[in-house]
Amino acid sequence: VQLVESGGGLVQPGGSLRLSCAVSGFPFSSFAMNWFRQAPGQEREWVALISNRPGDVRYRDSVKGRFTGSRDDAKSTAYLQMDSLKPEDTATYYCTIRDYSRAYWGQGTQVIVSS
């Protein structure tokens, strides 16, 4: 199983980024995807859940209305569209998926929001 995130980078406050998470070796369409993030010196925190049920997407309160999660089961890829970015969104972002026995994580992609 392999998860590969991409799309991170440096962006000014108010800007946008779109993260991608490509999954291989896993029955992607059967399970929910989650995005987490970890800022320097802080604990990893959950950001969004993208269910395998259409339209079922959930967010932590601090990103509601700014972040949009989606998935393309045909491509085994999940996305996190991040708009109106704030400096406090600066973190390494991880995607994760779990089956009935364990969770699998990507290597992370760094997002820096700074002027």
C-alpha atoms as a PDB file:
ATOM      1  CA  VAL A   1       0.000   0.000   0.000  1.00  0.00           C
ATOM      2  CA  GLN A   2       1.346   3.403  -0.930  1.00  0.00           C
ATOM      3  CA  LEU A   3      -0.014   6.876  -0.351  1.00  0.00           C
ATOM      4  CA  VAL A   4       1.710   9.791  -2.055  1.00  0.00           C
ATOM      5  CA  GLU A   5       0.771  13.371  -1.240  1.00  0.00           C
ATOM      6  CA  SER A   6       1.579  16.306  -3.474  1.00  0.00           C
ATOM      7  CA  GLY A   7       0.593  19.911  -3.979  1.00  0.00           C
ATOM      8  CA  GLY A   8       2.118  21.584  -0.967  1.00  0.00           C
ATOM      9  CA  GLY A   9       4.215  24.715  -1.126  1.00  0.00           C
ATOM     10  CA  LEU A  10       4.617  28.304  -0.062  1.00  0.00           C
ATOM     11  CA  VAL A  11       1.589  30.551  -0.448  1.00  0.00           C
ATOM     12  CA  GLN A  12       0.653  34.004   0.768  1.00  0.00           C
ATOM     13  CA  PRO A  13      -2.178  34.488   3.254  1.00  0.00           C
ATOM     14  CA  GLY A  14      -5.472  34.399   1.425  1.00  0.00           C
ATOM     15  CA  GLY A  15      -4.090  32.158  -1.259  1.00  0.00           C
ATOM     16  CA  SER A  16      -5.028  28.647  -2.315  1.00  0.00           C
ATOM     17  CA  LEU A  17      -3.446  25.250  -2.693  1.00  0.00           C
ATOM     18  CA  ARG A  18      -4.790  21.897  -3.800  1.00  0.00           C
ATOM     19  CA  LEU A  19      -3.345  18.832  -2.172  1.00  0.00           C
ATOM     20  CA  SER A  20      -3.578  15.411  -3.774  1.00  0.00           C
ATOM     21  CA  CYS A  21      -3.191  11.967  -2.285  1.00  0.00           C
ATOM     22  CA  ALA A  22      -2.691   9.122  -4.729  1.00  0.00           C
ATOM     23  CA  VAL A  23      -3.287   5.666  -3.292  1.00  0.00           C
ATOM     24  CA  SER A  24      -2.090   2.375  -4.729  1.00  0.00           C
ATOM     25  CA  GLY A  25      -2.350  -1.233  -3.644  1.00  0.00           C
ATOM     26  CA  PHE A  26      -5.540  -0.623  -1.653  1.00  0.00           C
ATOM     27  CA  PRO A  27      -9.299  -0.918  -2.334  1.00  0.00           C
ATOM     28  CA  PHE A  28      -9.615   2.861  -2.299  1.00  0.00           C
ATOM     29  CA  SER A  29     -13.292   3.107  -3.184  1.00  0.00           C
ATOM     30  CA  SER A  30     -14.353   1.020  -0.200  1.00  0.00           C
ATOM     31  CA  PHE A  31     -12.955   3.188   2.565  1.00  0.00           C
ATOM     32  CA  ALA A  32     -12.928   6.744   3.841  1.00  0.00           C
ATOM     33  CA  MET A  33      -9.924   9.000   3.495  1.00  0.00           C
ATOM     34  CA  ASN A  34      -8.738  11.371   6.171  1.00  0.00           C
ATOM     35  CA  TRP A  35      -6.447  14.357   6.074  1.00  0.00           C
ATOM     36  CA  PHE A  36      -4.366  15.302   9.105  1.00  0.00           C
ATOM     37  CA  ARG A  37      -1.809  18.037   9.663  1.00  0.00           C
ATOM     38  CA  GLN A  38       1.028  18.677  12.040  1.00  0.00           C
ATOM     39  CA  ALA A  39       2.511  22.065  12.701  1.00  0.00           C
ATOM     40  CA  PRO A  40       6.053  22.381  14.055  1.00  0.00           C
ATOM     41  CA  GLY A  41       6.124  21.586  17.751  1.00  0.00           C
ATOM     42  CA  GLN A  42       2.485  20.604  17.840  1.00  0.00           C
ATOM     43  CA  GLU A  43       0.539  17.364  17.838  1.00  0.00           C
ATOM     44  CA  ARG A  44      -0.926  15.972  14.680  1.00  0.00           C
ATOM     45  CA  GLU A  45      -4.544  17.016  14.258  1.00  0.00           C
ATOM     46  CA  TRP A  46      -7.390  15.789  12.128  1.00  0.00           C
ATOM     47  CA  VAL A  47      -8.476  18.112   9.323  1.00  0.00           C
ATOM     48  CA  ALA A  48     -11.064  16.399   7.145  1.00  0.00           C
ATOM     49  CA  LEU A  49     -12.787  13.111   6.442  1.00  0.00           C
ATOM     50  CA  ILE A  50     -13.849  12.200   2.940  1.00  0.00           C
ATOM     51  CA  SER A  51     -16.209   9.288   3.169  1.00  0.00           C
ATOM     52  CA  ASN A  52     -16.664   6.695   0.469  1.00  0.00           C
ATOM     53  CA  ARG A  53     -20.350   7.624   0.653  1.00  0.00           C
ATOM     54  CA  PRO A  54     -21.037  10.419  -1.863  1.00  0.00           C
ATOM     55  CA  GLY A  55     -21.405  13.848  -0.310  1.00  0.00           C
ATOM     56  CA  ASP A  56     -20.253  12.824   3.144  1.00  0.00           C
ATOM     57  CA  VAL A  57     -17.340  15.132   3.933  1.00  0.00           C
ATOM     58  CA  ARG A  58     -16.540  16.486   7.385  1.00  0.00           C
ATOM     59  CA  TYR A  59     -14.129  19.138   8.594  1.00  0.00           C
ATOM     60  CA  ARG A  60     -12.593  20.458  11.746  1.00  0.00           C
ATOM     61  CA  ASP A  61     -14.224  23.719  12.705  1.00  0.00           C
ATOM     62  CA  SER A  62     -11.217  25.908  11.922  1.00  0.00           C
ATOM     63  CA  VAL A  63     -11.214  24.958   8.223  1.00  0.00           C
ATOM     64  CA  LYS A  64     -14.946  24.796   7.548  1.00  0.00           C
ATOM     65  CA  GLY A  65     -15.907  27.040   4.651  1.00  0.00           C
ATOM     66  CA  ARG A  66     -12.309  27.288   3.476  1.00  0.00           C
ATOM     67  CA  PHE A  67     -11.250  23.708   2.746  1.00  0.00           C
ATOM     68  CA  THR A  68     -13.033  21.294   0.423  1.00  0.00           C
ATOM     69  CA  GLY A  69     -12.366  17.590   0.368  1.00  0.00           C
ATOM     70  CA  SER A  70     -13.124  15.381  -2.594  1.00  0.00           C
ATOM     71  CA  ARG A  71     -12.138  12.074  -4.145  1.00  0.00           C
ATOM     72  CA  ASP A  72     -11.927  10.412  -7.520  1.00  0.00           C
ATOM     73  CA  ASP A  73     -12.367   6.704  -7.027  1.00  0.00           C
ATOM     74  CA  ALA A  74     -11.480   5.982 -10.654  1.00  0.00           C
ATOM     75  CA  LYS A  75      -8.061   7.498 -10.005  1.00  0.00           C
ATOM     76  CA  SER A  76      -7.753   6.280  -6.403  1.00  0.00           C
ATOM     77  CA  THR A  77      -6.966   9.839  -5.451  1.00  0.00           C
ATOM     78  CA  ALA A  78      -8.242  12.186  -2.779  1.00  0.00           C
ATOM     79  CA  TYR A  79      -7.972  15.947  -2.823  1.00  0.00           C
ATOM     80  CA  LEU A  80      -8.004  18.788  -0.356  1.00  0.00           C
ATOM     81  CA  GLN A  81      -8.718  22.180  -1.880  1.00  0.00           C
ATOM     82  CA  MET A  82      -7.538  24.831   0.541  1.00  0.00           C
ATOM     83  CA  ASP A  83      -8.721  28.403   0.007  1.00  0.00           C
ATOM     84  CA  SER A  84      -8.370  31.575   2.064  1.00  0.00           C
ATOM     85  CA  LEU A  85      -5.281  30.118   3.672  1.00  0.00           C
ATOM     86  CA  LYS A  86      -4.082  31.558   6.955  1.00  0.00           C
ATOM     87  CA  PRO A  87      -0.656  31.471   8.603  1.00  0.00           C
ATOM     88  CA  GLU A  88      -2.076  29.085  11.183  1.00  0.00           C
ATOM     89  CA  ASP A  89      -2.688  26.555   8.397  1.00  0.00           C
ATOM     90  CA  THR A  90       1.069  26.145   8.086  1.00  0.00           C
ATOM     91  CA  ALA A  91       1.835  22.478   8.676  1.00  0.00           C
ATOM     92  CA  THR A  92       2.799  19.226   7.076  1.00  0.00           C
ATOM     93  CA  TYR A  93      -0.351  17.631   5.694  1.00  0.00           C
ATOM     94  CA  TYR A  94      -0.843  13.881   5.679  1.00  0.00           C
ATOM     95  CA  CYS A  95      -3.439  11.685   4.082  1.00  0.00           C
ATOM     96  CA  THR A  96      -4.412   8.414   5.651  1.00  0.00           C
ATOM     97  CA  ILE A  97      -6.692   5.518   4.894  1.00  0.00           C
ATOM     98  CA  ARG A  98      -7.488   2.488   6.992  1.00  0.00           C
ATOM     99  CA  ASP A  99      -9.030  -0.858   6.437  1.00  0.00           C
ATOM    100  CA  TYR A 100     -10.311  -3.259   9.097  1.00  0.00           C
ATOM    101  CA  SER A 101      -6.855  -3.958  10.472  1.00  0.00           C
ATOM    102  CA  ARG A 102      -4.621  -0.906  10.225  1.00  0.00           C
ATOM    103  CA  ALA A 103      -4.099   2.611   8.972  1.00  0.00           C
ATOM    104  CA  TYR A 104      -1.786   3.639   6.178  1.00  0.00           C
ATOM    105  CA  TRP A 105      -0.149   7.054   5.966  1.00  0.00           C
ATOM    106  CA  GLY A 106       1.534   9.104   3.316  1.00  0.00           C
ATOM    107  CA  GLN A 107       4.860  10.824   3.759  1.00  0.00           C
ATOM    108  CA  GLY A 108       3.314  14.272   4.051  1.00  0.00           C
ATOM    109  CA  THR A 109       3.448  17.458   2.046  1.00  0.00           C
ATOM    110  CA  GLN A 110       4.468  20.771   3.559  1.00  0.00           C
ATOM    111  CA  VAL A 111       2.268  23.827   3.399  1.00  0.00           C
ATOM    112  CA  ILE A 112       3.676  27.199   4.407  1.00  0.00           C
ATOM    113  CA  VAL A 113       1.405  30.208   4.538  1.00  0.00           C
ATOM    114  CA  SER A 114       3.470  33.343   4.836  1.00  0.00           C
ATOM    115  CA  SER A 115       3.878  36.755   3.323  1.00  0.00           C
END
